[in-house]
Amino acid sequence: MKLSQPHAVEEFPVPLRTLGAILIEAGRLSPAQAVLVMQLQKQQGLRFGDAACQLGILQAEDIRFGLSLQFEHSSLASGDASVASEVMAAFGSQHPLVEGLRDLRSQVMLRWTAQPARPKSLALVSARRGEGKSFIAANLAVLFSQLGLRTLLIDADLMHPRQHDLFRLDNRVGLSSVLGGLTGLQAAVSLEKLPGLVLLPAGPTAPNPRELLSRPLLPSLLSQAIQAFDVVLVDTPSAALPDALMIASNVGASILVSRPNAATVAQSAALAGSLDNLFGAVVNEF
């Protein structure tokens, strides 16, 4: 469409609702208070949020809450116990570590753009346990969903699962149930307070987790997931077990997560050399 066409203006997005209207609807601001805020806003040329905070009517948390709704950017209020505090991105955090993960998200998306034929799926791998792979996976999944991308996070660490704890979910049904032939992808849970994010927990501990991960149901599940979601992230077991490499081989790309003083350089290098689809590496200093 050319901009010179007379109807071009009609196709611009509808303006956003005002911050004041959103906060009134949410019960955080009364109409009378909104009038006071707008008066100060007009007198001093302030933004609505700055004027409200100057009057002591609203707190910074209220402003972040309203902006997240205004821009359809899902984030939780500080202290919300529906996810663990470790999932920092869920709270709209500006912590340097979360900003670093936003940079990582951007780099991944740029590589996906350069390789459009590659499935938008990603495995998080590490040489040893305790390197922060689950932390990175959880926060990265939230950040992708905040872009409006339908995101599936799969906890494929059947021996030491963490995602159900991070997102405060029941773990009675999950990946082990799917691989055991008891259910399908419908076992994944949509996170109500984080729109667009869906989690498939690891499920109950099975007596034969390695055999489950070796079944052809795993690549079939991942193939279905890639078709159904914009982004699929997989939290894998540590590469001390061969399961991680097998899982990683069924996704579009892998990111190596390492942590200072955890795995040795040689261990991380050996893992990197064994991955055919390595995007890059992340040093986790959390």
C-alpha atoms as a PDB file:
ATOM      1  CA  MET A   1       0.000   0.000   0.000  1.00  0.00           C
ATOM      2  CA  LYS A   2       1.337   3.449  -0.940  1.00  0.00           C
ATOM      3  CA  LEU A   3       1.160   6.225   1.638  1.00  0.00           C
ATOM      4  CA  SER A   4      -0.248   8.590  -0.980  1.00  0.00           C
ATOM      5  CA  GLN A   5      -3.556   6.729  -1.057  1.00  0.00           C
ATOM      6  CA  PRO A   6      -6.284   8.767   0.695  1.00  0.00           C
ATOM      7  CA  HIS A   7      -7.477   5.879   2.864  1.00  0.00           C
ATOM      8  CA  ALA A   8      -4.016   5.122   4.267  1.00  0.00           C
ATOM      9  CA  VAL A   9      -4.653   6.982   7.531  1.00  0.00           C
ATOM     10  CA  GLU A  10      -7.659   4.773   8.281  1.00  0.00           C
ATOM     11  CA  GLU A  11      -5.394   1.731   8.594  1.00  0.00           C
ATOM     12  CA  PHE A  12      -3.289   3.040  11.454  1.00  0.00           C
ATOM     13  CA  PRO A  13      -3.828   1.259  14.802  1.00  0.00           C
ATOM     14  CA  VAL A  14      -6.481   2.567  17.161  1.00  0.00           C
ATOM     15  CA  PRO A  15      -4.886   4.811  19.841  1.00  0.00           C
ATOM     16  CA  LEU A  16      -4.072   3.195  23.162  1.00  0.00           C
ATOM     17  CA  ARG A  17      -6.437   3.638  26.122  1.00  0.00           C
ATOM     18  CA  THR A  18      -5.225   6.278  28.542  1.00  0.00           C
ATOM     19  CA  LEU A  19      -3.244   5.199  31.564  1.00  0.00           C
ATOM     20  CA  GLY A  20      -5.766   6.869  33.858  1.00  0.00           C
ATOM     21  CA  ALA A  21      -8.709   4.973  32.376  1.00  0.00           C
ATOM     22  CA  ILE A  22      -6.872   1.668  32.744  1.00  0.00           C
ATOM     23  CA  LEU A  23      -6.047   2.312  36.411  1.00  0.00           C
ATOM     24  CA  ILE A  24      -9.617   3.389  37.178  1.00  0.00           C
ATOM     25  CA  GLU A  25     -10.930   0.157  35.621  1.00  0.00           C
ATOM     26  CA  ALA A  26      -8.421  -1.816  37.690  1.00  0.00           C
ATOM     27  CA  GLY A  27      -9.587  -0.143  40.907  1.00  0.00           C
ATOM     28  CA  ARG A  28      -6.204   1.463  41.594  1.00  0.00           C
ATOM     29  CA  LEU A  29      -7.395   5.012  40.960  1.00  0.00           C
ATOM     30  CA  SER A  30     -10.705   6.818  41.569  1.00  0.00           C
ATOM     31  CA  PRO A  31     -12.239   9.251  39.049  1.00  0.00           C
ATOM     32  CA  ALA A  32     -11.826  12.097  41.571  1.00  0.00           C
ATOM     33  CA  GLN A  33      -8.126  11.279  41.984  1.00  0.00           C
ATOM     34  CA  ALA A  34      -7.714  11.147  38.213  1.00  0.00           C
ATOM     35  CA  VAL A  35      -9.055  14.703  37.974  1.00  0.00           C
ATOM     36  CA  LEU A  36      -6.463  15.912  40.511  1.00  0.00           C
ATOM     37  CA  VAL A  37      -3.680  14.150  38.623  1.00  0.00           C
ATOM     38  CA  MET A  38      -4.743  15.669  35.292  1.00  0.00           C
ATOM     39  CA  GLN A  39      -4.864  19.147  36.821  1.00  0.00           C
ATOM     40  CA  LEU A  40      -1.272  18.861  38.060  1.00  0.00           C
ATOM     41  CA  GLN A  41      -0.281  17.218  34.772  1.00  0.00           C
ATOM     42  CA  LYS A  42      -1.602  20.236  32.849  1.00  0.00           C
ATOM     43  CA  GLN A  43      -0.146  22.828  35.234  1.00  0.00           C
ATOM     44  CA  GLN A  44       3.396  21.431  35.236  1.00  0.00           C
ATOM     45  CA  GLY A  45       3.527  19.657  31.872  1.00  0.00           C
ATOM     46  CA  LEU A  46       4.123  16.259  33.503  1.00  0.00           C
ATOM     47  CA  ARG A  47       3.318  12.788  32.322  1.00  0.00           C
ATOM     48  CA  PHE A  48       0.249  11.300  33.969  1.00  0.00           C
ATOM     49  CA  GLY A  49       2.245   8.744  35.953  1.00  0.00           C
ATOM     50  CA  ASP A  50       4.789  11.299  37.182  1.00  0.00           C
ATOM     51  CA  ALA A  51       2.002  13.644  38.300  1.00  0.00           C
ATOM     52  CA  ALA A  52       0.193  10.838  40.141  1.00  0.00           C
ATOM     53  CA  CYS A  53       3.363   9.798  41.963  1.00  0.00           C
ATOM     54  CA  GLN A  54       4.179  13.415  42.867  1.00  0.00           C
ATOM     55  CA  LEU A  55       0.746  13.732  44.482  1.00  0.00           C
ATOM     56  CA  GLY A  56       1.269  10.453  46.332  1.00  0.00           C
ATOM     57  CA  ILE A  57      -1.856   8.992  44.760  1.00  0.00           C
ATOM     58  CA  LEU A  58      -0.039   6.187  42.943  1.00  0.00           C
ATOM     59  CA  GLN A  59       3.163   4.240  43.466  1.00  0.00           C
ATOM     60  CA  ALA A  60       5.702   3.239  40.822  1.00  0.00           C
ATOM     61  CA  GLU A  61       4.283  -0.302  40.936  1.00  0.00           C
ATOM     62  CA  ASP A  62       0.839   1.043  39.960  1.00  0.00           C
ATOM     63  CA  ILE A  63       2.334   2.845  36.972  1.00  0.00           C
ATOM     64  CA  ARG A  64       4.202  -0.268  35.808  1.00  0.00           C
ATOM     65  CA  PHE A  65       0.990  -2.268  36.168  1.00  0.00           C
ATOM     66  CA  GLY A  66      -0.987   0.228  34.077  1.00  0.00           C
ATOM     67  CA  LEU A  67       1.676   0.501  31.379  1.00  0.00           C
ATOM     68  CA  SER A  68       1.864  -3.274  31.056  1.00  0.00           C
ATOM     69  CA  LEU A  69      -1.871  -3.339  30.291  1.00  0.00           C
ATOM     70  CA  GLN A  70      -1.717  -0.281  28.055  1.00  0.00           C
ATOM     71  CA  PHE A  71       0.951  -1.797  25.855  1.00  0.00           C
ATOM     72  CA  GLU A  72      -0.359  -5.362  26.231  1.00  0.00           C
ATOM     73  CA  HIS A  73       2.916  -6.301  27.924  1.00  0.00           C
ATOM     74  CA  SER A  74       2.058  -8.893  30.559  1.00  0.00           C
ATOM     75  CA  SER A  75       3.886  -8.506  33.848  1.00  0.00           C
ATOM     76  CA  LEU A  76       3.057  -9.360  37.434  1.00  0.00           C
ATOM     77  CA  ALA A  77       2.821  -7.037  40.388  1.00  0.00           C
ATOM     78  CA  SER A  78       5.714  -7.081  42.818  1.00  0.00           C
ATOM     79  CA  GLY A  79       5.163  -9.775  45.423  1.00  0.00           C
ATOM     80  CA  ASP A  80       2.794 -11.825  43.257  1.00  0.00           C
ATOM     81  CA  ALA A  81       3.357 -15.400  44.407  1.00  0.00           C
ATOM     82  CA  SER A  82       1.961 -17.083  41.289  1.00  0.00           C
ATOM     83  CA  VAL A  83       5.534 -17.536  40.038  1.00  0.00           C
ATOM     84  CA  ALA A  84       8.843 -17.745  41.866  1.00  0.00           C
ATOM     85  CA  SER A  85      10.799 -14.515  42.322  1.00  0.00           C
ATOM     86  CA  GLU A  86      13.563 -16.188  40.296  1.00  0.00           C
ATOM     87  CA  VAL A  87      11.417 -15.661  37.178  1.00  0.00           C
ATOM     88  CA  MET A  88      12.432 -12.026  37.210  1.00  0.00           C
ATOM     89  CA  ALA A  89      11.191 -11.228  33.701  1.00  0.00           C
ATOM     90  CA  ALA A  90       7.611 -11.974  34.768  1.00  0.00           C
ATOM     91  CA  PHE A  91       7.654  -8.868  36.982  1.00  0.00           C
ATOM     92  CA  GLY A  92       8.739  -6.471  34.243  1.00  0.00           C
ATOM     93  CA  SER A  93      12.149  -6.243  35.892  1.00  0.00           C
ATOM     94  CA  GLN A  94      14.764  -3.794  34.618  1.00  0.00           C
ATOM     95  CA  HIS A  95      17.491  -5.760  36.407  1.00  0.00           C
ATOM     96  CA  PRO A  96      20.703  -5.828  34.320  1.00  0.00           C
ATOM     97  CA  LEU A  97      20.483  -9.599  34.097  1.00  0.00           C
ATOM     98  CA  VAL A  98      16.966  -9.432  32.615  1.00  0.00           C
ATOM     99  CA  GLU A  99      18.137  -6.717  30.224  1.00  0.00           C
ATOM    100  CA  GLY A 100      20.906  -9.100  29.179  1.00  0.00           C
ATOM    101  CA  LEU A 101      18.294 -11.785  28.504  1.00  0.00           C
ATOM    102  CA  ARG A 102      16.313  -9.315  26.407  1.00  0.00           C
ATOM    103  CA  ASP A 103      19.482  -8.805  24.363  1.00  0.00           C
ATOM    104  CA  LEU A 104      19.777 -12.582  24.041  1.00  0.00           C
ATOM    105  CA  ARG A 105      16.172 -12.783  22.847  1.00  0.00           C
ATOM    106  CA  SER A 106      16.908 -10.147  20.204  1.00  0.00           C
ATOM    107  CA  GLN A 107      20.012 -11.985  18.997  1.00  0.00           C
ATOM    108  CA  VAL A 108      18.099 -15.260  18.720  1.00  0.00           C
ATOM    109  CA  MET A 109      15.307 -13.598  16.768  1.00  0.00           C
ATOM    110  CA  LEU A 110      17.788 -11.976  14.394  1.00  0.00           C
ATOM    111  CA  ARG A 111      19.337 -15.367  13.664  1.00  0.00           C
ATOM    112  CA  TRP A 112      15.903 -16.870  13.132  1.00  0.00           C
ATOM    113  CA  THR A 113      15.131 -14.055  10.693  1.00  0.00           C
ATOM    114  CA  ALA A 114      18.332 -14.799   8.794  1.00  0.00           C
ATOM    115  CA  GLN A 115      17.371 -18.494   8.629  1.00  0.00           C
ATOM    116  CA  PRO A 116      13.589 -18.433   8.060  1.00  0.00           C
ATOM    117  CA  ALA A 117      13.440 -22.119   7.171  1.00  0.00           C
ATOM    118  CA  ARG A 118      14.703 -23.146  10.602  1.00  0.00           C
ATOM    119  CA  PRO A 119      12.019 -24.119  13.143  1.00  0.00           C
ATOM    120  CA  LYS A 120      11.752 -21.538  15.928  1.00  0.00           C
ATOM    121  CA  SER A 121      12.673 -23.999  18.655  1.00  0.00           C
ATOM    122  CA  LEU A 122      15.534 -23.807  21.082  1.00  0.00           C
ATOM    123  CA  ALA A 123      17.145 -26.182  23.583  1.00  0.00           C
ATOM    124  CA  LEU A 124      18.956 -24.843  26.642  1.00  0.00           C
ATOM    125  CA  VAL A 125      21.876 -27.141  27.481  1.00  0.00           C
ATOM    126  CA  SER A 126      24.682 -27.169  30.024  1.00  0.00           C
ATOM    127  CA  ALA A 127      27.587 -29.437  30.841  1.00  0.00           C
ATOM    128  CA  ARG A 128      26.641 -29.861  34.501  1.00  0.00           C
ATOM    129  CA  ARG A 129      23.739 -29.291  36.844  1.00  0.00           C
ATOM    130  CA  GLY A 130      23.542 -25.978  38.670  1.00  0.00           C
ATOM    131  CA  GLU A 131      24.648 -23.755  35.794  1.00  0.00           C
ATOM    132  CA  GLY A 132      21.348 -21.867  35.577  1.00  0.00           C
ATOM    133  CA  LYS A 133      19.875 -23.462  32.463  1.00  0.00           C
ATOM    134  CA  SER A 134      16.390 -23.688  33.999  1.00  0.00           C
ATOM    135  CA  PHE A 135      16.575 -20.072  35.167  1.00  0.00           C
ATOM    136  CA  ILE A 136      17.559 -18.902  31.675  1.00  0.00           C
ATOM    137  CA  ALA A 137      14.864 -21.059  30.036  1.00  0.00           C
ATOM    138  CA  ALA A 138      12.087 -19.770  32.323  1.00  0.00           C
ATOM    139  CA  ASN A 139      12.950 -16.102  31.915  1.00  0.00           C
ATOM    140  CA  LEU A 140      13.566 -16.380  28.187  1.00  0.00           C
ATOM    141  CA  ALA A 141      10.167 -18.062  27.750  1.00  0.00           C
ATOM    142  CA  VAL A 142       8.475 -15.169  29.567  1.00  0.00           C
ATOM    143  CA  LEU A 143      10.325 -12.625  27.442  1.00  0.00           C
ATOM    144  CA  PHE A 144       9.266 -14.275  24.190  1.00  0.00           C
ATOM    145  CA  SER A 145       5.641 -14.401  25.342  1.00  0.00           C
ATOM    146  CA  GLN A 146       5.784 -10.695  26.217  1.00  0.00           C
ATOM    147  CA  LEU A 147       6.359  -9.991  22.526  1.00  0.00           C
ATOM    148  CA  GLY A 148       2.966 -11.538  21.805  1.00  0.00           C
ATOM    149  CA  LEU A 149       4.520 -14.795  20.596  1.00  0.00           C
ATOM    150  CA  ARG A 150       2.693 -17.980  21.610  1.00  0.00           C
ATOM    151  CA  THR A 151       5.465 -19.690  23.545  1.00  0.00           C
ATOM    152  CA  LEU A 152       5.755 -23.260  24.815  1.00  0.00           C
ATOM    153  CA  LEU A 153       8.283 -24.135  27.518  1.00  0.00           C
ATOM    154  CA  ILE A 154       8.968 -27.862  27.917  1.00  0.00           C
ATOM    155  CA  ASP A 155      10.721 -29.217  30.992  1.00  0.00           C
ATOM    156  CA  ALA A 156      12.583 -32.207  29.597  1.00  0.00           C
ATOM    157  CA  ASP A 157      14.723 -32.758  32.686  1.00  0.00           C
ATOM    158  CA  LEU A 158      12.819 -35.785  33.925  1.00  0.00           C
ATOM    159  CA  MET A 159      15.240 -36.526  36.749  1.00  0.00           C
ATOM    160  CA  HIS A 160      15.654 -33.041  38.223  1.00  0.00           C
ATOM    161  CA  PRO A 161      12.732 -30.918  36.973  1.00  0.00           C
ATOM    162  CA  ARG A 162      12.407 -27.287  38.058  1.00  0.00           C
ATOM    163  CA  GLN A 163       9.946 -25.477  35.833  1.00  0.00           C
ATOM    164  CA  HIS A 164       6.830 -26.576  37.728  1.00  0.00           C
ATOM    165  CA  ASP A 165       8.353 -25.100  40.897  1.00  0.00           C
ATOM    166  CA  LEU A 166       9.332 -21.855  39.171  1.00  0.00           C
ATOM    167  CA  PHE A 167       5.814 -21.384  37.783  1.00  0.00           C
ATOM    168  CA  ARG A 168       3.996 -22.836  40.831  1.00  0.00           C
ATOM    169  CA  LEU A 169       2.280 -25.626  38.920  1.00  0.00           C
ATOM    170  CA  ASP A 170       1.254 -29.153  39.772  1.00  0.00           C
ATOM    171  CA  ASN A 171       3.597 -31.782  38.342  1.00  0.00           C
ATOM    172  CA  ARG A 172       1.267 -34.793  38.339  1.00  0.00           C
ATOM    173  CA  VAL A 173       0.946 -34.727  34.541  1.00  0.00           C
ATOM    174  CA  GLY A 174       3.617 -33.654  32.095  1.00  0.00           C
ATOM    175  CA  LEU A 175       6.235 -34.756  29.581  1.00  0.00           C
ATOM    176  CA  SER A 176       6.752 -38.167  31.194  1.00  0.00           C
ATOM    177  CA  SER A 177       3.002 -38.765  30.865  1.00  0.00           C
ATOM    178  CA  VAL A 178       3.123 -37.810  27.171  1.00  0.00           C
ATOM    179  CA  LEU A 179       6.125 -40.021  26.454  1.00  0.00           C
ATOM    180  CA  GLY A 180       4.441 -42.839  28.342  1.00  0.00           C
ATOM    181  CA  GLY A 181       1.510 -42.623  25.934  1.00  0.00           C
ATOM    182  CA  LEU A 182      -0.927 -41.514  28.653  1.00  0.00           C
ATOM    183  CA  THR A 183      -1.780 -38.094  27.190  1.00  0.00           C
ATOM    184  CA  GLY A 184      -0.757 -35.637  24.487  1.00  0.00           C
ATOM    185  CA  LEU A 185       0.235 -32.021  24.057  1.00  0.00           C
ATOM    186  CA  GLN A 186      -2.992 -31.020  25.815  1.00  0.00           C
ATOM    187  CA  ALA A 187      -1.160 -31.763  29.065  1.00  0.00           C
ATOM    188  CA  ALA A 188       0.575 -28.400  28.644  1.00  0.00           C
ATOM    189  CA  VAL A 189      -0.799 -25.663  30.925  1.00  0.00           C
ATOM    190  CA  SER A 190      -1.581 -22.092  29.848  1.00  0.00           C
ATOM    191  CA  LEU A 191      -0.351 -19.602  32.436  1.00  0.00           C
ATOM    192  CA  GLU A 192      -3.331 -17.330  33.058  1.00  0.00           C
ATOM    193  CA  LYS A 193      -1.355 -14.394  34.410  1.00  0.00           C
ATOM    194  CA  LEU A 194       1.253 -14.583  31.645  1.00  0.00           C
ATOM    195  CA  PRO A 195      -0.770 -14.589  28.411  1.00  0.00           C
ATOM    196  CA  GLY A 196       0.826 -16.458  25.542  1.00  0.00           C
ATOM    197  CA  LEU A 197       3.028 -18.637  27.752  1.00  0.00           C
ATOM    198  CA  VAL A 198       2.283 -22.362  28.005  1.00  0.00           C
ATOM    199  CA  LEU A 199       4.260 -24.838  30.126  1.00  0.00           C
ATOM    200  CA  LEU A 200       4.594 -28.586  29.758  1.00  0.00           C
ATOM    201  CA  PRO A 201       6.102 -29.666  33.093  1.00  0.00           C
ATOM    202  CA  ALA A 202       8.284 -32.748  33.388  1.00  0.00           C
ATOM    203  CA  GLY A 203       5.529 -34.808  34.983  1.00  0.00           C
ATOM    204  CA  PRO A 204       5.860 -37.533  37.611  1.00  0.00           C
ATOM    205  CA  THR A 205       9.246 -39.163  38.024  1.00  0.00           C
ATOM    206  CA  ALA A 206       9.357 -42.350  35.992  1.00  0.00           C
ATOM    207  CA  PRO A 207      11.523 -45.389  36.781  1.00  0.00           C
ATOM    208  CA  ASN A 208      12.932 -45.236  33.241  1.00  0.00           C
ATOM    209  CA  PRO A 209      13.383 -41.542  32.288  1.00  0.00           C
ATOM    210  CA  ARG A 210      16.212 -42.210  29.826  1.00  0.00           C
ATOM    211  CA  GLU A 211      14.198 -44.871  28.028  1.00  0.00           C
ATOM    212  CA  LEU A 212      11.219 -42.489  27.817  1.00  0.00           C
ATOM    213  CA  LEU A 213      13.356 -39.796  26.208  1.00  0.00           C
ATOM    214  CA  SER A 214      14.640 -42.337  23.684  1.00  0.00           C
ATOM    215  CA  ARG A 215      11.162 -43.138  22.389  1.00  0.00           C
ATOM    216  CA  PRO A 216      10.003 -41.846  18.965  1.00  0.00           C
ATOM    217  CA  LEU A 217       7.187 -40.022  20.781  1.00  0.00           C
ATOM    218  CA  LEU A 218       9.673 -37.269  21.711  1.00  0.00           C
ATOM    219  CA  PRO A 219      10.496 -36.072  18.152  1.00  0.00           C
ATOM    220  CA  SER A 220       6.812 -36.456  17.310  1.00  0.00           C
ATOM    221  CA  LEU A 221       5.833 -34.244  20.249  1.00  0.00           C
ATOM    222  CA  LEU A 222       8.427 -31.618  19.355  1.00  0.00           C
ATOM    223  CA  SER A 223       7.240 -31.607  15.748  1.00  0.00           C
ATOM    224  CA  GLN A 224       3.641 -31.023  16.883  1.00  0.00           C
ATOM    225  CA  ALA A 225       4.759 -28.289  19.251  1.00  0.00           C
ATOM    226  CA  ILE A 226       6.694 -26.437  16.549  1.00  0.00           C
ATOM    227  CA  GLN A 227       3.574 -26.443  14.380  1.00  0.00           C
ATOM    228  CA  ALA A 228       1.320 -25.224  17.181  1.00  0.00           C
ATOM    229  CA  PHE A 229       3.509 -22.501  18.727  1.00  0.00           C
ATOM    230  CA  ASP A 230       5.545 -19.524  17.556  1.00  0.00           C
ATOM    231  CA  VAL A 231       8.435 -20.397  19.875  1.00  0.00           C
ATOM    232  CA  VAL A 232       9.309 -23.673  21.623  1.00  0.00           C
ATOM    233  CA  LEU A 233      11.945 -23.709  24.384  1.00  0.00           C
ATOM    234  CA  VAL A 234      13.216 -26.931  25.926  1.00  0.00           C
ATOM    235  CA  ASP A 235      14.915 -27.156  29.323  1.00  0.00           C
ATOM    236  CA  THR A 236      17.156 -30.238  29.034  1.00  0.00           C
ATOM    237  CA  PRO A 237      18.953 -32.466  31.533  1.00  0.00           C
ATOM    238  CA  SER A 238      22.620 -31.703  32.093  1.00  0.00           C
ATOM    239  CA  ALA A 239      24.910 -33.060  29.404  1.00  0.00           C
ATOM    240  CA  ALA A 240      26.469 -35.360  31.965  1.00  0.00           C
ATOM    241  CA  LEU A 241      23.750 -37.617  30.542  1.00  0.00           C
ATOM    242  CA  PRO A 242      23.453 -38.240  26.781  1.00  0.00           C
ATOM    243  CA  ASP A 243      19.737 -37.365  26.917  1.00  0.00           C
ATOM    244  CA  ALA A 244      20.475 -33.661  26.476  1.00  0.00           C
ATOM    245  CA  LEU A 245      22.202 -34.177  23.132  1.00  0.00           C
ATOM    246  CA  MET A 246      19.416 -36.413  21.907  1.00  0.00           C
ATOM    247  CA  ILE A 247      16.793 -33.803  22.828  1.00  0.00           C
ATOM    248  CA  ALA A 248      18.837 -30.971  21.314  1.00  0.00           C
ATOM    249  CA  SER A 249      19.148 -32.824  18.021  1.00  0.00           C
ATOM    250  CA  ASN A 250      15.354 -32.634  17.609  1.00  0.00           C
ATOM    251  CA  VAL A 251      15.073 -28.841  17.896  1.00  0.00           C
ATOM    252  CA  GLY A 252      16.095 -26.037  15.584  1.00  0.00           C
ATOM    253  CA  ALA A 253      18.984 -24.696  17.660  1.00  0.00           C
ATOM    254  CA  SER A 254      20.755 -24.957  20.997  1.00  0.00           C
ATOM    255  CA  ILE A 255      22.230 -22.471  23.435  1.00  0.00           C
ATOM    256  CA  LEU A 256      24.970 -23.534  25.800  1.00  0.00           C
ATOM    257  CA  VAL A 257      24.553 -22.147  29.323  1.00  0.00           C
ATOM    258  CA  SER A 258      27.650 -22.069  31.518  1.00  0.00           C
ATOM    259  CA  ARG A 259      28.373 -20.661  34.923  1.00  0.00           C
ATOM    260  CA  PRO A 260      31.738 -19.591  36.348  1.00  0.00           C
ATOM    261  CA  ASN A 261      33.267 -22.213  38.644  1.00  0.00           C
ATOM    262  CA  ALA A 262      30.664 -24.837  37.702  1.00  0.00           C
ATOM    263  CA  ALA A 263      31.696 -26.834  34.649  1.00  0.00           C
ATOM    264  CA  THR A 264      35.281 -26.660  33.490  1.00  0.00           C
ATOM    265  CA  VAL A 265      36.195 -24.921  30.252  1.00  0.00           C
ATOM    266  CA  ALA A 266      37.077 -28.306  28.802  1.00  0.00           C
ATOM    267  CA  GLN A 267      33.659 -29.745  29.696  1.00  0.00           C
ATOM    268  CA  SER A 268      31.811 -26.808  28.140  1.00  0.00           C
ATOM    269  CA  ALA A 269      34.007 -26.891  25.046  1.00  0.00           C
ATOM    270  CA  ALA A 270      33.415 -30.614  24.617  1.00  0.00           C
ATOM    271  CA  LEU A 271      29.653 -30.072  24.835  1.00  0.00           C
ATOM    272  CA  ALA A 272      29.789 -27.198  22.343  1.00  0.00           C
ATOM    273  CA  GLY A 273      31.716 -29.391  19.917  1.00  0.00           C
ATOM    274  CA  SER A 274      29.108 -32.133  20.110  1.00  0.00           C
ATOM    275  CA  LEU A 275      26.175 -29.863  19.202  1.00  0.00           C
ATOM    276  CA  ASP A 276      25.473 -29.603  15.477  1.00  0.00           C
ATOM    277  CA  ASN A 277      22.942 -26.790  15.915  1.00  0.00           C
ATOM    278  CA  LEU A 278      24.717 -24.530  18.403  1.00  0.00           C
ATOM    279  CA  PHE A 279      23.581 -20.890  18.226  1.00  0.00           C
ATOM    280  CA  GLY A 280      25.989 -19.653  20.852  1.00  0.00           C
ATOM    281  CA  ALA A 281      26.781 -19.646  24.541  1.00  0.00           C
ATOM    282  CA  VAL A 282      25.534 -17.691  27.569  1.00  0.00           C
ATOM    283  CA  VAL A 283      27.582 -17.119  30.714  1.00  0.00           C
ATOM    284  CA  ASN A 284      25.190 -17.041  33.661  1.00  0.00           C
ATOM    285  CA  GLU A 285      26.411 -14.968  36.595  1.00  0.00           C
ATOM    286  CA  PHE A 286      23.110 -14.911  38.506  1.00  0.00           C
END
